[in-house]
Amino acid sequence: MTQIAYPIRNSLYLNITDRCTLECRFCPKHTAQGPVVHEYDLSLDHRPEVEEIIATIGDPTAYEEIVFCGFGEPTLRLKVLLEVARWIKQHGGKVRINTDGLANLVNKRNVLPEMQGLVDSLSVSLNAQNEEVYARHCQPALPGSWQALLDFLAEAPKYIPKVTATAIDGLEGVDIQACEKLATKLGVAFRRRELDKVG
C-alpha cells in the first residue's frame, strides 16, 4: 500500500512523488537502506492526486507542520503541491517544503511568488560549498543546477518567511563551515544534517 502521509515526531510528512532532479549518492533510494524511512516504506505504486493526499492528512492543526518530503522532489508536482498547501493553510496548518532548490530551473520560471502565502518554510538541500563537490555527490541531471540552486536560495527569502539551507556532515569533501558561510552570504539560515540519518 502506498504510504502518502507519515508522522515523524510532531510533524506529518507527505510523500507525493518518487521522481527527482538529482541522483544523490547518499539518498536511501540509491543505498542499501532502500525506500524505508523510520519504519515507513515510501515506495509509490502511483503518484497520488490532490484529493487522495488531503484525505490522508486529517486535521492539519494536529501537527507542528505538514512537510512535503517523500522519496522524490516534491516541487516536480508543483500544481498538486500548491493545491494541497492551499488547503492546509485554509485549515489552519503550517507548511514546509524540503526541496533540492531546482524548481525554478525545472519550471523555467520563478515559482517562488506562487508559493508566497502558502508555504511557511523551505528547507533547501545545499549539500556542498562549491559546484565540484555538489556535482560529485548530487549528480544533477540538468545543466546549470548549482547556479540555479544558489539563485533560488538568494531569491526565496523575498517570498517565504523561513528559508534554511542544509548540508550533510560526513560526506567526503563537504566543508560544513564553508557551507554555512555560503548560506549566510545568500541571506538564509543554515542547518547541519548527519550522514545516514533521514527524517
Protein backbone atom coordinates (compact mmCIF):
# COMPACT_ATOMS: atom_id res chain seq x y z
CA MET A 1 0.00 0.00 0.00
CA THR A 2 1.27 3.44 -0.92
CA GLN A 3 2.38 5.44 2.14
CA ILE A 4 1.39 9.03 1.31
CA ALA A 5 1.50 10.56 4.79
CA TYR A 6 3.84 9.50 7.59
CA PRO A 7 4.28 11.14 11.01
CA ILE A 8 7.74 11.79 12.46
CA ARG A 9 7.90 13.45 15.88
CA ASN A 10 5.33 16.31 15.78
CA SER A 11 5.24 16.70 12.01
CA LEU A 12 3.36 14.96 9.21
CA TYR A 13 5.39 14.24 6.08
CA LEU A 14 3.81 13.94 2.63
CA ASN A 15 5.26 11.61 0.01
CA ILE A 16 3.83 12.83 -3.32
CA THR A 17 6.35 11.71 -5.93
CA ASP A 18 9.26 9.32 -6.46
CA ARG A 19 10.79 11.39 -9.27
CA CYS A 20 13.83 13.58 -8.68
CA THR A 21 16.11 16.04 -10.49
CA LEU A 22 19.16 14.68 -8.67
CA GLU A 23 20.63 11.24 -8.11
CA CYS A 24 22.32 11.84 -4.77
CA ARG A 25 24.75 9.07 -3.87
CA PHE A 26 23.77 9.31 -0.19
CA CYS A 27 19.99 9.12 -0.81
CA PRO A 28 18.43 5.95 0.68
CA LYS A 29 16.96 5.34 -2.81
CA HIS A 30 20.50 4.66 -4.04
CA THR A 31 21.90 2.92 -0.96
CA ALA A 32 21.30 -0.38 0.81
CA GLN A 33 18.73 1.31 3.06
CA GLY A 34 16.21 1.34 0.21
CA PRO A 35 12.86 3.14 0.33
CA VAL A 36 12.40 2.90 4.10
CA VAL A 37 12.43 5.98 6.34
CA HIS A 38 11.95 5.21 10.03
CA GLU A 39 9.56 2.23 9.74
CA TYR A 40 7.74 3.56 6.66
CA ASP A 41 8.13 2.08 3.19
CA LEU A 42 7.93 5.07 0.85
CA SER A 43 7.74 3.18 -2.45
CA LEU A 44 4.88 4.59 -4.52
CA ASP A 45 2.76 2.41 -6.80
CA HIS A 46 1.16 5.61 -8.17
CA ARG A 47 1.53 9.37 -7.80
CA PRO A 48 -1.33 10.48 -5.55
CA GLU A 49 -3.69 13.26 -6.62
CA VAL A 50 -4.84 16.25 -4.53
CA GLU A 51 -7.99 14.66 -3.00
CA GLU A 52 -6.13 11.49 -2.06
CA ILE A 53 -3.33 13.45 -0.36
CA ILE A 54 -5.78 15.67 1.55
CA ALA A 55 -7.70 12.59 2.74
CA THR A 56 -4.54 11.26 4.43
CA ILE A 57 -3.84 14.48 6.37
CA GLY A 58 -6.86 14.73 8.65
CA ASP A 59 -6.63 17.82 10.86
CA PRO A 60 -3.51 19.83 9.88
CA THR A 61 -3.54 21.65 13.24
CA ALA A 62 -2.82 18.34 14.99
CA TYR A 63 0.79 18.70 13.77
CA GLU A 64 3.53 21.27 14.24
CA GLU A 65 3.83 21.41 10.46
CA ILE A 66 2.99 19.47 7.31
CA VAL A 67 6.16 18.73 5.36
CA PHE A 68 6.32 17.94 1.66
CA CYS A 69 9.20 15.49 1.70
CA GLY A 70 8.99 11.95 0.42
CA PHE A 71 11.12 9.83 -1.81
CA GLY A 72 11.29 12.34 -4.63
CA GLU A 73 11.44 16.10 -5.23
CA PRO A 74 8.00 17.47 -4.27
CA THR A 75 8.24 20.58 -6.49
CA LEU A 76 8.22 18.30 -9.55
CA ARG A 77 4.48 18.12 -8.83
CA LEU A 78 4.17 21.84 -8.22
CA LYS A 79 0.48 22.23 -9.14
CA VAL A 80 -0.57 19.38 -6.81
CA LEU A 81 1.75 20.63 -4.05
CA LEU A 82 0.34 24.18 -4.18
CA GLU A 83 -3.28 22.98 -4.16
CA VAL A 84 -2.66 20.78 -1.12
CA ALA A 85 -0.68 23.58 0.59
CA ARG A 86 -3.59 25.98 -0.02
CA TRP A 87 -5.97 23.51 1.66
CA ILE A 88 -3.60 23.06 4.63
CA LYS A 89 -3.33 26.84 5.14
CA GLN A 90 -7.11 27.28 4.83
CA HIS A 91 -7.48 24.71 7.61
CA GLY A 92 -5.00 26.37 9.97
CA GLY A 93 -1.91 24.27 9.29
CA LYS A 94 1.74 25.21 8.69
CA VAL A 95 3.56 24.12 5.51
CA ARG A 96 7.22 23.30 4.94
CA ILE A 97 8.81 22.04 1.73
CA ASN A 98 12.02 20.01 1.74
CA THR A 99 13.46 20.69 -1.69
CA ASP A 100 16.57 20.47 -3.87
CA GLY A 101 16.05 24.13 -4.81
CA LEU A 102 15.78 23.45 -8.55
CA ALA A 103 12.08 24.28 -9.01
CA ASN A 104 12.80 27.48 -10.97
CA LEU A 105 15.21 25.67 -13.28
CA VAL A 106 12.77 22.81 -13.92
CA ASN A 107 9.77 25.09 -14.46
CA LYS A 108 11.76 27.67 -16.45
CA ARG A 109 10.27 30.50 -14.36
CA ASN A 110 10.41 31.89 -10.83
CA VAL A 111 7.82 29.80 -8.96
CA LEU A 112 8.54 31.38 -5.54
CA PRO A 113 5.79 34.05 -5.88
CA GLU A 114 3.31 31.16 -6.36
CA MET A 115 4.42 29.72 -3.01
CA GLN A 116 4.01 33.03 -1.16
CA GLY A 117 1.31 32.81 1.50
CA LEU A 118 1.04 29.02 1.07
CA VAL A 119 4.47 27.96 2.31
CA ASP A 120 5.80 28.92 5.76
CA SER A 121 9.27 27.48 5.41
CA LEU A 122 11.68 25.94 2.95
CA SER A 123 14.44 23.51 3.78
CA VAL A 124 16.80 23.53 0.81
CA SER A 125 19.48 20.88 0.23
CA LEU A 126 22.65 22.85 -0.45
CA ASN A 127 24.87 19.84 0.29
CA ALA A 128 28.15 21.39 -0.86
CA GLN A 129 30.27 24.52 -0.72
CA ASN A 130 31.10 24.53 -4.43
CA GLU A 131 29.96 23.14 -7.78
CA GLU A 132 32.58 20.40 -8.00
CA VAL A 133 31.61 18.80 -4.66
CA TYR A 134 27.90 19.29 -5.45
CA ALA A 135 28.23 17.52 -8.82
CA ARG A 136 30.15 14.65 -7.23
CA HIS A 137 27.56 13.90 -4.55
CA CYS A 138 24.27 15.06 -6.08
CA GLN A 139 24.80 14.14 -9.76
CA PRO A 140 22.30 16.66 -11.19
CA ALA A 141 20.54 15.75 -14.44
CA LEU A 142 20.09 19.38 -15.56
CA PRO A 143 22.94 21.64 -16.66
CA GLY A 144 23.27 24.80 -14.57
CA SER A 145 21.83 23.14 -11.44
CA TRP A 146 24.41 24.53 -8.99
CA GLN A 147 23.90 28.15 -10.04
CA ALA A 148 20.12 27.66 -10.17
CA LEU A 149 20.22 26.36 -6.58
CA LEU A 150 22.21 29.40 -5.39
CA ASP A 151 19.84 31.78 -7.22
CA PHE A 152 16.82 30.02 -5.68
CA LEU A 153 18.26 30.34 -2.17
CA ALA A 154 19.03 34.04 -2.67
CA GLU A 155 15.53 34.75 -4.04
CA ALA A 156 13.48 32.61 -1.65
CA PRO A 157 13.51 34.93 1.43
CA LYS A 158 11.61 37.58 -0.56
CA TYR A 159 8.59 35.26 -0.61
CA ILE A 160 8.97 32.65 2.15
CA PRO A 161 9.21 33.63 5.87
CA LYS A 162 11.77 30.99 6.85
CA VAL A 163 14.44 29.61 4.49
CA THR A 164 17.12 27.19 5.66
CA ALA A 165 19.96 25.67 3.62
CA THR A 166 21.15 22.25 4.77
CA ALA A 167 24.29 20.18 4.24
CA ILE A 168 25.27 16.72 5.40
CA ASP A 169 28.26 16.38 7.70
CA GLY A 170 30.28 13.28 6.86
CA LEU A 171 30.20 13.43 3.07
CA GLU A 172 33.68 13.35 1.56
CA GLY A 173 34.91 16.82 0.61
CA VAL A 174 31.95 18.68 2.14
CA ASP A 175 33.15 21.58 4.29
CA ILE A 176 30.29 22.31 6.71
CA GLN A 177 31.74 25.65 7.84
CA ALA A 178 32.12 26.79 4.23
CA CYS A 179 28.52 25.69 3.53
CA GLU A 180 27.31 27.73 6.49
CA LYS A 181 29.29 30.76 5.28
CA LEU A 182 27.75 30.40 1.82
CA ALA A 183 24.24 30.18 3.29
CA THR A 184 24.87 33.34 5.35
CA LYS A 185 26.16 35.13 2.24
CA LEU A 186 22.95 34.14 0.41
CA GLY A 187 20.87 35.53 3.28
CA VAL A 188 19.41 32.27 4.62
CA ALA A 189 19.71 30.18 7.79
CA PHE A 190 21.82 27.00 7.90
CA ARG A 191 21.34 23.56 9.43
CA ARG A 192 23.89 20.77 9.60
CA ARG A 193 22.50 17.29 8.93
CA GLU A 194 24.04 13.94 9.81
CA LEU A 195 25.01 11.34 7.24
CA ASP A 196 22.65 8.31 7.08
CA LYS A 197 20.15 9.99 9.40
CA VAL A 198 16.95 10.55 7.44
CA GLY A 199 13.87 12.21 8.93
